[in-house]
Amino acid sequence: MNKIACLFPGQGSQSVGMGKDLFESNVLAKQCFEEIDAIAGRSLSGLCFAGPEEELKRTINTQPTILAMSLAVWRCYEAGGGPQPSFVAGHSLGEFTALVAAGALPLEGAVRLVEKRARLMEECPPGAMSAVIGLTAADLEAICREATAELPPELKQVAVVANFNTREQLVVSGSPEAVQKACARATVKGARVISLPVGGAFHSPLMSGAADQFAQELDKWTLAAARFPVVQNVDARPATEAASLKAKLASQMPSSVRWCDTIEYILLQGVNTFIEIGPGKALSGMIKKIDKSATTFNIYDQSTLVQTLSALRQTITVS
């Protein structure tokens, strides 16, 4: 028997035009976008469909628009008879979509929390992030510790591995000087380094202040037990109990995204089919680097919705 997991993308997967085809061809997607626009009090759908790109790239817009797009796709997937997953997971921002999909977080709560999160992350202190390809996680973590130790402790500068996307596709985050030093060391060791176009040190200890403010907003919302396990970023382990889900969500902003561990855990549970729900194909690409034998599907418009549901009906039996 085949098991499936549904995955939801995070920041960086956005593109101008996302969701427009689904909005125009599927009444459920249209209703979902309209509900989310009403909750947000602004036209997130308009930003999805028409941009402009520079506005869509801003964290304050990127996060809620990806949430809206992914939730619209999920609603269509469920209504179209998509099989219930054995697990769900979301990459950073995508964890909010995963929690809605699992019935743990109400739609309104997700929209309001992501709007708050995006605002806090856009306004956070200056930081830097760089992708590092070609080193092991242990090697890069050691490099980050060395780079941090080189700087005067009173400056409280830090570099950490923020994203463990695959075994050798990692992201360093922290204060600009510490990240620069860490990346210089990584380059000497043969890594390829790509500076990311963000102004904050996401998923690093520098997000602690923003996380405290986010926790105040999170406290306003009651989570429910999940219908199926949610494998969360902070520890790459499943949870269904409301208290555990909420506690781990509160810790997410200053903690690393343990995506490789998440996928490896899900694979060990007998899952061999992954459905990426929302814009882009980044998560599917990561999965193939973790396990080439895994089967992946992407749903991001009406055509891929129909194709995926048809393929699943023919080939997948969910235990």
C-alpha atoms as a PDB file:
ATOM      1  CA  MET A   1       0.000   0.000   0.000  1.00  0.00           C
ATOM      2  CA  ASN A   2       1.192   3.481  -0.827  1.00  0.00           C
ATOM      3  CA  LYS A   3       1.038   6.308   1.674  1.00  0.00           C
ATOM      4  CA  ILE A   4       1.065   9.963   0.761  1.00  0.00           C
ATOM      5  CA  ALA A   5       2.178  13.192   2.384  1.00  0.00           C
ATOM      6  CA  CYS A   6       0.977  16.662   1.400  1.00  0.00           C
ATOM      7  CA  LEU A   7       3.557  19.441   1.526  1.00  0.00           C
ATOM      8  CA  PHE A   8       3.093  23.207   1.453  1.00  0.00           C
ATOM      9  CA  PRO A   9       5.723  25.664   0.187  1.00  0.00           C
ATOM     10  CA  GLY A  10       7.183  28.699   1.900  1.00  0.00           C
ATOM     11  CA  GLN A  11       8.622  32.069   0.974  1.00  0.00           C
ATOM     12  CA  GLY A  12      10.455  32.130  -2.347  1.00  0.00           C
ATOM     13  CA  SER A  13       7.886  30.029  -4.225  1.00  0.00           C
ATOM     14  CA  GLN A  14       5.790  33.013  -5.272  1.00  0.00           C
ATOM     15  CA  SER A  15       5.344  34.208  -8.856  1.00  0.00           C
ATOM     16  CA  VAL A  16       3.114  36.797 -10.479  1.00  0.00           C
ATOM     17  CA  GLY A  17      -0.010  35.096 -11.819  1.00  0.00           C
ATOM     18  CA  MET A  18      -0.118  32.327  -9.214  1.00  0.00           C
ATOM     19  CA  GLY A  19      -3.645  31.125  -8.577  1.00  0.00           C
ATOM     20  CA  LYS A  20      -5.240  33.118 -11.409  1.00  0.00           C
ATOM     21  CA  ASP A  21      -6.074  30.093 -13.557  1.00  0.00           C
ATOM     22  CA  LEU A  22      -7.562  28.268 -10.570  1.00  0.00           C
ATOM     23  CA  PHE A  23      -9.564  31.345  -9.540  1.00  0.00           C
ATOM     24  CA  GLU A  24     -11.063  31.653 -13.017  1.00  0.00           C
ATOM     25  CA  SER A  25     -11.837  27.958 -13.505  1.00  0.00           C
ATOM     26  CA  ASN A  26     -12.758  26.636 -10.065  1.00  0.00           C
ATOM     27  CA  VAL A  27     -15.515  28.168  -7.942  1.00  0.00           C
ATOM     28  CA  LEU A  28     -14.065  26.746  -4.731  1.00  0.00           C
ATOM     29  CA  ALA A  29     -10.746  28.467  -5.346  1.00  0.00           C
ATOM     30  CA  LYS A  30     -12.583  31.710  -6.121  1.00  0.00           C
ATOM     31  CA  GLN A  31     -14.525  31.466  -2.866  1.00  0.00           C
ATOM     32  CA  CYS A  32     -11.363  30.739  -0.893  1.00  0.00           C
ATOM     33  CA  PHE A  33      -9.499  33.737  -2.304  1.00  0.00           C
ATOM     34  CA  GLU A  34     -12.505  35.975  -1.610  1.00  0.00           C
ATOM     35  CA  GLU A  35     -12.774  34.741   1.996  1.00  0.00           C
ATOM     36  CA  ILE A  36      -9.086  35.393   2.600  1.00  0.00           C
ATOM     37  CA  ASP A  37      -9.230  38.856   1.008  1.00  0.00           C
ATOM     38  CA  ALA A  38     -12.125  39.727   3.328  1.00  0.00           C
ATOM     39  CA  ILE A  39     -10.226  38.526   6.418  1.00  0.00           C
ATOM     40  CA  ALA A  40      -7.034  40.332   5.420  1.00  0.00           C
ATOM     41  CA  GLY A  41      -8.888  43.508   4.515  1.00  0.00           C
ATOM     42  CA  ARG A  42      -6.890  43.829   1.301  1.00  0.00           C
ATOM     43  CA  SER A  43      -6.698  42.203  -2.110  1.00  0.00           C
ATOM     44  CA  LEU A  44      -4.175  39.433  -1.660  1.00  0.00           C
ATOM     45  CA  SER A  45      -5.710  37.788  -4.722  1.00  0.00           C
ATOM     46  CA  GLY A  46      -4.880  40.881  -6.776  1.00  0.00           C
ATOM     47  CA  LEU A  47      -1.247  40.676  -5.673  1.00  0.00           C
ATOM     48  CA  CYS A  48      -1.176  36.974  -6.585  1.00  0.00           C
ATOM     49  CA  PHE A  49      -2.676  37.474 -10.023  1.00  0.00           C
ATOM     50  CA  ALA A  50      -1.114  40.766 -11.135  1.00  0.00           C
ATOM     51  CA  GLY A  51       1.741  41.644  -8.792  1.00  0.00           C
ATOM     52  CA  PRO A  52       3.677  43.789  -9.524  1.00  0.00           C
ATOM     53  CA  GLU A  53       6.649  41.514  -8.919  1.00  0.00           C
ATOM     54  CA  GLU A  54       8.525  43.962  -6.688  1.00  0.00           C
ATOM     55  CA  GLU A  55       5.517  44.216  -4.384  1.00  0.00           C
ATOM     56  CA  LEU A  56       4.955  40.457  -4.404  1.00  0.00           C
ATOM     57  CA  LYS A  57       8.580  39.935  -3.340  1.00  0.00           C
ATOM     58  CA  ARG A  58       8.140  41.985  -0.176  1.00  0.00           C
ATOM     59  CA  THR A  59       7.850  39.711   2.847  1.00  0.00           C
ATOM     60  CA  ILE A  60       4.746  41.558   4.037  1.00  0.00           C
ATOM     61  CA  ASN A  61       3.031  40.500   0.790  1.00  0.00           C
ATOM     62  CA  THR A  62       4.840  37.275  -0.080  1.00  0.00           C
ATOM     63  CA  GLN A  63       3.820  35.318   2.988  1.00  0.00           C
ATOM     64  CA  PRO A  64       0.055  35.975   3.008  1.00  0.00           C
ATOM     65  CA  THR A  65      -0.240  35.570  -0.775  1.00  0.00           C
ATOM     66  CA  ILE A  66       1.489  32.165  -0.736  1.00  0.00           C
ATOM     67  CA  LEU A  67      -0.780  31.161   2.142  1.00  0.00           C
ATOM     68  CA  ALA A  68      -3.851  32.246   0.152  1.00  0.00           C
ATOM     69  CA  MET A  69      -2.754  30.436  -2.993  1.00  0.00           C
ATOM     70  CA  SER A  70      -1.860  27.238  -1.148  1.00  0.00           C
ATOM     71  CA  LEU A  71      -5.125  27.168   0.811  1.00  0.00           C
ATOM     72  CA  ALA A  72      -7.136  27.642  -2.376  1.00  0.00           C
ATOM     73  CA  VAL A  73      -5.342  24.686  -3.955  1.00  0.00           C
ATOM     74  CA  TRP A  74      -5.853  22.559  -0.841  1.00  0.00           C
ATOM     75  CA  ARG A  75      -9.584  23.297  -0.823  1.00  0.00           C
ATOM     76  CA  CYS A  76      -9.847  22.180  -4.440  1.00  0.00           C
ATOM     77  CA  TYR A  77      -7.759  19.074  -3.743  1.00  0.00           C
ATOM     78  CA  GLU A  78     -10.016  18.006  -0.871  1.00  0.00           C
ATOM     79  CA  ALA A  79     -13.241  18.741  -2.724  1.00  0.00           C
ATOM     80  CA  GLY A  80     -11.945  16.865  -5.763  1.00  0.00           C
ATOM     81  CA  GLY A  81     -11.583  13.680  -3.738  1.00  0.00           C
ATOM     82  CA  GLY A  82      -7.879  13.920  -3.060  1.00  0.00           C
ATOM     83  CA  PRO A  83      -6.886  11.142  -0.661  1.00  0.00           C
ATOM     84  CA  GLN A  84      -6.290  12.055   2.955  1.00  0.00           C
ATOM     85  CA  PRO A  85      -2.566  12.214   3.636  1.00  0.00           C
ATOM     86  CA  SER A  86      -0.791  10.165   6.262  1.00  0.00           C
ATOM     87  CA  PHE A  87       1.247  13.280   7.123  1.00  0.00           C
ATOM     88  CA  VAL A  88       1.365  16.961   6.247  1.00  0.00           C
ATOM     89  CA  ALA A  89       4.263  19.386   6.546  1.00  0.00           C
ATOM     90  CA  GLY A  90       5.055  22.914   5.447  1.00  0.00           C
ATOM     91  CA  HIS A  91       8.364  24.626   4.779  1.00  0.00           C
ATOM     92  CA  SER A  92       8.562  27.562   7.237  1.00  0.00           C
ATOM     93  CA  LEU A  93       5.549  29.696   6.222  1.00  0.00           C
ATOM     94  CA  GLY A  94       3.983  26.558   4.714  1.00  0.00           C
ATOM     95  CA  GLU A  95       3.502  25.124   8.198  1.00  0.00           C
ATOM     96  CA  PHE A  96       0.516  27.443   8.664  1.00  0.00           C
ATOM     97  CA  THR A  97      -1.144  25.944   5.583  1.00  0.00           C
ATOM     98  CA  ALA A  98      -0.370  22.462   6.874  1.00  0.00           C
ATOM     99  CA  LEU A  99      -2.068  23.267  10.180  1.00  0.00           C
ATOM    100  CA  VAL A 100      -5.197  24.520   8.388  1.00  0.00           C
ATOM    101  CA  ALA A 101      -5.219  21.433   6.171  1.00  0.00           C
ATOM    102  CA  ALA A 102      -5.052  19.238   9.277  1.00  0.00           C
ATOM    103  CA  GLY A 103      -7.962  21.090  10.873  1.00  0.00           C
ATOM    104  CA  ALA A 104      -5.790  22.369  13.740  1.00  0.00           C
ATOM    105  CA  LEU A 105      -5.863  26.075  12.857  1.00  0.00           C
ATOM    106  CA  PRO A 106      -8.924  27.973  11.569  1.00  0.00           C
ATOM    107  CA  LEU A 107      -8.664  29.816   8.260  1.00  0.00           C
ATOM    108  CA  GLU A 108      -9.131  33.211   9.889  1.00  0.00           C
ATOM    109  CA  GLY A 109      -6.463  32.446  12.466  1.00  0.00           C
ATOM    110  CA  ALA A 110      -3.976  31.425   9.786  1.00  0.00           C
ATOM    111  CA  VAL A 111      -4.534  34.600   7.754  1.00  0.00           C
ATOM    112  CA  ARG A 112      -4.258  36.918  10.745  1.00  0.00           C
ATOM    113  CA  LEU A 113      -1.232  35.119  12.164  1.00  0.00           C
ATOM    114  CA  VAL A 114       0.605  35.145   8.838  1.00  0.00           C
ATOM    115  CA  GLU A 115      -0.187  38.835   8.310  1.00  0.00           C
ATOM    116  CA  LYS A 116       1.330  39.537  11.741  1.00  0.00           C
ATOM    117  CA  ARG A 117       4.299  37.252  11.111  1.00  0.00           C
ATOM    118  CA  ALA A 118       5.039  38.861   7.755  1.00  0.00           C
ATOM    119  CA  ARG A 119       4.901  42.348   9.251  1.00  0.00           C
ATOM    120  CA  LEU A 120       7.251  41.405  12.071  1.00  0.00           C
ATOM    121  CA  MET A 121       9.714  39.716   9.736  1.00  0.00           C
ATOM    122  CA  GLU A 122       9.719  42.661   7.338  1.00  0.00           C
ATOM    123  CA  GLU A 123      10.428  45.046  10.220  1.00  0.00           C
ATOM    124  CA  CYS A 124      13.036  42.871  11.941  1.00  0.00           C
ATOM    125  CA  PRO A 125      16.624  44.123  12.558  1.00  0.00           C
ATOM    126  CA  PRO A 126      19.032  43.956   9.593  1.00  0.00           C
ATOM    127  CA  GLY A 127      20.395  40.519   8.859  1.00  0.00           C
ATOM    128  CA  ALA A 128      21.669  38.361   6.030  1.00  0.00           C
ATOM    129  CA  MET A 129      21.053  34.911   4.594  1.00  0.00           C
ATOM    130  CA  SER A 130      23.049  32.850   2.100  1.00  0.00           C
ATOM    131  CA  ALA A 131      22.507  29.445   0.556  1.00  0.00           C
ATOM    132  CA  VAL A 132      25.493  27.132   0.924  1.00  0.00           C
ATOM    133  CA  ILE A 133      25.742  24.108  -1.342  1.00  0.00           C
ATOM    134  CA  GLY A 134      28.274  21.307  -1.108  1.00  0.00           C
ATOM    135  CA  LEU A 135      29.054  20.983   2.609  1.00  0.00           C
ATOM    136  CA  THR A 136      27.604  18.668   5.209  1.00  0.00           C
ATOM    137  CA  ALA A 137      25.434  20.128   7.919  1.00  0.00           C
ATOM    138  CA  ALA A 138      28.011  19.257  10.587  1.00  0.00           C
ATOM    139  CA  ASP A 139      30.789  21.028   8.686  1.00  0.00           C
ATOM    140  CA  LEU A 140      28.709  24.152   8.122  1.00  0.00           C
ATOM    141  CA  GLU A 141      27.539  24.256  11.742  1.00  0.00           C
ATOM    142  CA  ALA A 142      31.183  24.136  12.843  1.00  0.00           C
ATOM    143  CA  ILE A 143      32.023  26.939  10.426  1.00  0.00           C
ATOM    144  CA  CYS A 144      29.201  29.070  11.811  1.00  0.00           C
ATOM    145  CA  ARG A 145      30.442  28.565  15.366  1.00  0.00           C
ATOM    146  CA  GLU A 146      33.973  29.553  14.325  1.00  0.00           C
ATOM    147  CA  ALA A 147      32.759  32.657  12.480  1.00  0.00           C
ATOM    148  CA  THR A 148      30.653  33.741  15.451  1.00  0.00           C
ATOM    149  CA  ALA A 149      33.566  33.217  17.859  1.00  0.00           C
ATOM    150  CA  GLU A 150      35.784  35.517  15.760  1.00  0.00           C
ATOM    151  CA  LEU A 151      33.540  38.509  16.468  1.00  0.00           C
ATOM    152  CA  PRO A 152      33.535  40.554  19.706  1.00  0.00           C
ATOM    153  CA  PRO A 153      30.933  38.963  22.030  1.00  0.00           C
ATOM    154  CA  GLU A 154      29.573  42.336  23.122  1.00  0.00           C
ATOM    155  CA  LEU A 155      28.287  42.880  19.574  1.00  0.00           C
ATOM    156  CA  LYS A 156      26.065  39.780  19.907  1.00  0.00           C
ATOM    157  CA  GLN A 157      26.631  38.824  16.287  1.00  0.00           C
ATOM    158  CA  VAL A 158      25.819  35.297  15.234  1.00  0.00           C
ATOM    159  CA  ALA A 159      25.657  32.981  12.238  1.00  0.00           C
ATOM    160  CA  VAL A 160      23.678  29.736  12.293  1.00  0.00           C
ATOM    161  CA  VAL A 161      22.413  27.123   9.854  1.00  0.00           C
ATOM    162  CA  ALA A 162      18.813  28.259   9.436  1.00  0.00           C
ATOM    163  CA  ASN A 163      17.551  25.835   6.775  1.00  0.00           C
ATOM    164  CA  PHE A 164      18.519  22.186   6.428  1.00  0.00           C
ATOM    165  CA  ASN A 165      16.810  21.745   3.054  1.00  0.00           C
ATOM    166  CA  THR A 166      18.699  18.648   1.892  1.00  0.00           C
ATOM    167  CA  ARG A 167      21.850  16.951   3.127  1.00  0.00           C
ATOM    168  CA  GLU A 168      24.001  19.469   1.257  1.00  0.00           C
ATOM    169  CA  GLN A 169      21.625  22.327   0.428  1.00  0.00           C
ATOM    170  CA  LEU A 170      21.745  24.552   3.487  1.00  0.00           C
ATOM    171  CA  VAL A 171      21.104  28.190   4.394  1.00  0.00           C
ATOM    172  CA  VAL A 172      23.143  30.339   6.774  1.00  0.00           C
ATOM    173  CA  SER A 173      21.396  33.184   8.595  1.00  0.00           C
ATOM    174  CA  GLY A 174      22.455  35.823  11.098  1.00  0.00           C
ATOM    175  CA  SER A 175      24.097  39.197  11.448  1.00  0.00           C
ATOM    176  CA  PRO A 176      25.666  40.389   8.168  1.00  0.00           C
ATOM    177  CA  GLU A 177      29.295  40.312   9.308  1.00  0.00           C
ATOM    178  CA  ALA A 178      29.001  36.865  10.884  1.00  0.00           C
ATOM    179  CA  VAL A 179      27.271  35.446   7.799  1.00  0.00           C
ATOM    180  CA  GLN A 180      29.945  36.978   5.580  1.00  0.00           C
ATOM    181  CA  LYS A 181      32.712  35.364   7.636  1.00  0.00           C
ATOM    182  CA  ALA A 182      30.955  31.993   7.667  1.00  0.00           C
ATOM    183  CA  CYS A 183      30.402  32.078   3.902  1.00  0.00           C
ATOM    184  CA  ALA A 184      34.033  33.019   3.260  1.00  0.00           C
ATOM    185  CA  ARG A 185      35.133  29.978   5.274  1.00  0.00           C
ATOM    186  CA  ALA A 186      32.613  27.785   3.422  1.00  0.00           C
ATOM    187  CA  THR A 187      33.954  28.964   0.061  1.00  0.00           C
ATOM    188  CA  VAL A 188      37.501  28.064   1.066  1.00  0.00           C
ATOM    189  CA  LYS A 189      36.227  24.539   1.822  1.00  0.00           C
ATOM    190  CA  GLY A 190      34.802  24.277  -1.698  1.00  0.00           C
ATOM    191  CA  ALA A 191      31.165  25.215  -1.145  1.00  0.00           C
ATOM    192  CA  ARG A 192      29.088  27.252  -3.562  1.00  0.00           C
ATOM    193  CA  VAL A 193      27.577  30.279  -1.806  1.00  0.00           C
ATOM    194  CA  ILE A 194      24.579  32.250  -3.059  1.00  0.00           C
ATOM    195  CA  SER A 195      23.518  35.415  -1.255  1.00  0.00           C
ATOM    196  CA  LEU A 196      19.738  35.526  -0.780  1.00  0.00           C
ATOM    197  CA  PRO A 197      17.749  38.731  -1.427  1.00  0.00           C
ATOM    198  CA  VAL A 198      16.357  39.141   2.096  1.00  0.00           C
ATOM    199  CA  GLY A 199      16.980  41.858   4.647  1.00  0.00           C
ATOM    200  CA  GLY A 200      16.428  39.822   7.800  1.00  0.00           C
ATOM    201  CA  ALA A 201      18.093  36.957   9.622  1.00  0.00           C
ATOM    202  CA  PHE A 202      15.132  34.591   9.369  1.00  0.00           C
ATOM    203  CA  HIS A 203      15.181  31.410  11.482  1.00  0.00           C
ATOM    204  CA  SER A 204      18.066  32.629  13.621  1.00  0.00           C
ATOM    205  CA  PRO A 205      18.323  33.816  17.240  1.00  0.00           C
ATOM    206  CA  LEU A 206      18.051  37.379  15.920  1.00  0.00           C
ATOM    207  CA  MET A 207      14.345  36.667  15.394  1.00  0.00           C
ATOM    208  CA  SER A 208      13.717  36.134  19.113  1.00  0.00           C
ATOM    209  CA  GLY A 209      12.237  39.588  19.667  1.00  0.00           C
ATOM    210  CA  ALA A 210       9.858  39.201  16.747  1.00  0.00           C
ATOM    211  CA  ALA A 211       8.957  35.713  17.964  1.00  0.00           C
ATOM    212  CA  ASP A 212       7.967  37.121  21.362  1.00  0.00           C
ATOM    213  CA  GLN A 213       5.618  39.586  19.665  1.00  0.00           C
ATOM    214  CA  PHE A 214       4.230  36.865  17.426  1.00  0.00           C
ATOM    215  CA  ALA A 215       3.547  34.683  20.467  1.00  0.00           C
ATOM    216  CA  GLN A 216       1.231  37.393  21.803  1.00  0.00           C
ATOM    217  CA  GLU A 217      -0.844  37.148  18.626  1.00  0.00           C
ATOM    218  CA  LEU A 218      -0.740  33.356  18.671  1.00  0.00           C
ATOM    219  CA  ASP A 219      -2.089  33.353  22.239  1.00  0.00           C
ATOM    220  CA  LYS A 220      -5.329  34.855  20.909  1.00  0.00           C
ATOM    221  CA  TRP A 221      -6.093  31.704  18.934  1.00  0.00           C
ATOM    222  CA  THR A 222      -7.170  28.261  20.066  1.00  0.00           C
ATOM    223  CA  LEU A 223      -5.792  25.348  18.106  1.00  0.00           C
ATOM    224  CA  ALA A 224      -7.597  22.021  17.788  1.00  0.00           C
ATOM    225  CA  ALA A 225      -6.255  18.491  17.591  1.00  0.00           C
ATOM    226  CA  ALA A 226      -5.040  17.690  14.077  1.00  0.00           C
ATOM    227  CA  ARG A 227      -6.910  15.195  11.883  1.00  0.00           C
ATOM    228  CA  PHE A 228      -3.590  13.725  10.772  1.00  0.00           C
ATOM    229  CA  PRO A 229      -0.019  14.241  11.995  1.00  0.00           C
ATOM    230  CA  VAL A 230       1.734  17.520  11.235  1.00  0.00           C
ATOM    231  CA  VAL A 231       5.526  17.176  11.023  1.00  0.00           C
ATOM    232  CA  GLN A 232       6.758  20.557  12.222  1.00  0.00           C
ATOM    233  CA  ASN A 233       9.920  22.468  11.363  1.00  0.00           C
ATOM    234  CA  VAL A 234      11.485  22.853  14.786  1.00  0.00           C
ATOM    235  CA  ASP A 235      12.030  19.152  15.528  1.00  0.00           C
ATOM    236  CA  ALA A 236      10.950  17.254  12.380  1.00  0.00           C
ATOM    237  CA  ARG A 237       8.607  15.130  14.459  1.00  0.00           C
ATOM    238  CA  PRO A 238       4.839  14.635  14.150  1.00  0.00           C
ATOM    239  CA  ALA A 239       2.255  16.091  16.481  1.00  0.00           C
ATOM    240  CA  THR A 240      -1.532  16.012  16.631  1.00  0.00           C
ATOM    241  CA  GLU A 241      -2.246  17.425  20.092  1.00  0.00           C
ATOM    242  CA  ALA A 242      -3.236  21.085  20.070  1.00  0.00           C
ATOM    243  CA  ALA A 243      -0.886  22.150  22.865  1.00  0.00           C
ATOM    244  CA  SER A 244       2.144  20.583  21.188  1.00  0.00           C
ATOM    245  CA  LEU A 245       1.288  22.018  17.775  1.00  0.00           C
ATOM    246  CA  LYS A 246       0.911  25.503  19.250  1.00  0.00           C
ATOM    247  CA  ALA A 247       4.109  25.356  21.304  1.00  0.00           C
ATOM    248  CA  LYS A 248       6.177  24.289  18.316  1.00  0.00           C
ATOM    249  CA  LEU A 249       4.592  26.931  16.090  1.00  0.00           C
ATOM    250  CA  ALA A 250       5.499  29.579  18.687  1.00  0.00           C
ATOM    251  CA  SER A 251       9.147  28.439  18.511  1.00  0.00           C
ATOM    252  CA  GLN A 252       9.394  28.407  14.737  1.00  0.00           C
ATOM    253  CA  MET A 253      10.608  31.928  13.891  1.00  0.00           C
ATOM    254  CA  PRO A 254      13.990  31.826  15.720  1.00  0.00           C
ATOM    255  CA  SER A 255      14.511  28.082  15.108  1.00  0.00           C
ATOM    256  CA  SER A 256      16.024  26.241  12.169  1.00  0.00           C
ATOM    257  CA  VAL A 257      13.837  24.693   9.460  1.00  0.00           C
ATOM    258  CA  ARG A 258      14.722  20.995   9.651  1.00  0.00           C
ATOM    259  CA  TRP A 259      13.279  20.101   6.275  1.00  0.00           C
ATOM    260  CA  CYS A 260      15.653  17.283   5.332  1.00  0.00           C
ATOM    261  CA  ASP A 261      14.960  15.573   8.661  1.00  0.00           C
ATOM    262  CA  THR A 262      11.226  16.106   8.078  1.00  0.00           C
ATOM    263  CA  ILE A 263      11.265  14.352   4.719  1.00  0.00           C
ATOM    264  CA  GLU A 264      13.529  11.570   5.970  1.00  0.00           C
ATOM    265  CA  TYR A 265      11.206  10.962   8.927  1.00  0.00           C
ATOM    266  CA  ILE A 266       8.168  10.778   6.641  1.00  0.00           C
ATOM    267  CA  LEU A 267       9.980   8.399   4.284  1.00  0.00           C
ATOM    268  CA  LEU A 268      10.803   6.112   7.210  1.00  0.00           C
ATOM    269  CA  GLN A 269       7.081   5.845   7.975  1.00  0.00           C
ATOM    270  CA  GLY A 270       6.504   4.179   4.625  1.00  0.00           C
ATOM    271  CA  VAL A 271       5.444   7.250   2.651  1.00  0.00           C
ATOM    272  CA  ASN A 272       6.676   7.156  -0.934  1.00  0.00           C
ATOM    273  CA  THR A 273       4.417   9.726  -2.620  1.00  0.00           C
ATOM    274  CA  PHE A 274       4.548  13.461  -1.956  1.00  0.00           C
ATOM    275  CA  ILE A 275       2.083  16.047  -3.230  1.00  0.00           C
ATOM    276  CA  GLU A 276       3.319  19.646  -3.271  1.00  0.00           C
ATOM    277  CA  ILE A 277       0.294  21.911  -2.927  1.00  0.00           C
ATOM    278  CA  GLY A 278       0.789  25.574  -3.815  1.00  0.00           C
ATOM    279  CA  PRO A 279       3.037  27.675  -6.031  1.00  0.00           C
ATOM    280  CA  GLY A 280       6.325  26.425  -7.425  1.00  0.00           C
ATOM    281  CA  LYS A 281       8.177  23.117  -7.403  1.00  0.00           C
ATOM    282  CA  ALA A 282      10.938  23.831  -4.888  1.00  0.00           C
ATOM    283  CA  LEU A 283       9.888  21.202  -2.369  1.00  0.00           C
ATOM    284  CA  SER A 284       9.635  18.479  -5.012  1.00  0.00           C
ATOM    285  CA  GLY A 285      13.162  19.305  -6.100  1.00  0.00           C
ATOM    286  CA  MET A 286      14.408  18.966  -2.534  1.00  0.00           C
ATOM    287  CA  ILE A 287      12.656  15.621  -2.125  1.00  0.00           C
ATOM    288  CA  LYS A 288      14.350  14.219  -5.232  1.00  0.00           C
ATOM    289  CA  LYS A 289      17.740  15.241  -3.803  1.00  0.00           C
ATOM    290  CA  ILE A 290      16.902  13.460  -0.541  1.00  0.00           C
ATOM    291  CA  ASP A 291      15.436  10.309  -2.170  1.00  0.00           C
ATOM    292  CA  LYS A 292      15.429   9.906  -5.941  1.00  0.00           C
ATOM    293  CA  SER A 293      12.980   7.013  -5.725  1.00  0.00           C
ATOM    294  CA  ALA A 294      10.176   9.100  -4.171  1.00  0.00           C
ATOM    295  CA  THR A 295       7.182   9.968  -6.349  1.00  0.00           C
ATOM    296  CA  THR A 296       6.228  13.635  -6.444  1.00  0.00           C
ATOM    297  CA  PHE A 297       3.247  15.587  -7.759  1.00  0.00           C
ATOM    298  CA  ASN A 298       2.703  19.340  -7.951  1.00  0.00           C
ATOM    299  CA  ILE A 299      -0.671  21.072  -7.865  1.00  0.00           C
ATOM    300  CA  TYR A 300      -0.604  24.772  -8.746  1.00  0.00           C
ATOM    301  CA  ASP A 301      -3.391  25.286 -11.316  1.00  0.00           C
ATOM    302  CA  GLN A 302      -6.543  23.620 -12.669  1.00  0.00           C
ATOM    303  CA  SER A 303      -4.656  21.418 -15.125  1.00  0.00           C
ATOM    304  CA  THR A 304      -2.225  20.016 -12.534  1.00  0.00           C
ATOM    305  CA  LEU A 305      -5.144  19.565 -10.119  1.00  0.00           C
ATOM    306  CA  VAL A 306      -7.032  17.393 -12.606  1.00  0.00           C
ATOM    307  CA  GLN A 307      -3.923  15.481 -13.673  1.00  0.00           C
ATOM    308  CA  THR A 308      -2.804  14.758 -10.110  1.00  0.00           C
ATOM    309  CA  LEU A 309      -6.226  13.667  -8.873  1.00  0.00           C
ATOM    310  CA  SER A 310      -6.558  11.363 -11.867  1.00  0.00           C
ATOM    311  CA  ALA A 311      -3.135   9.835 -11.283  1.00  0.00           C
ATOM    312  CA  LEU A 312      -3.818   9.347  -7.580  1.00  0.00           C
ATOM    313  CA  ARG A 313      -7.122   7.625  -8.242  1.00  0.00           C
ATOM    314  CA  GLN A 314      -5.368   5.163 -10.516  1.00  0.00           C
ATOM    315  CA  THR A 315      -2.283   4.416  -8.468  1.00  0.00           C
ATOM    316  CA  ILE A 316      -2.639   5.313  -4.778  1.00  0.00           C
ATOM    317  CA  THR A 317      -4.223   3.323  -1.995  1.00  0.00           C
ATOM    318  CA  VAL A 318      -3.956   5.161   1.293  1.00  0.00           C
ATOM    319  CA  SER A 319      -3.577   3.073   4.440  1.00  0.00           C
END
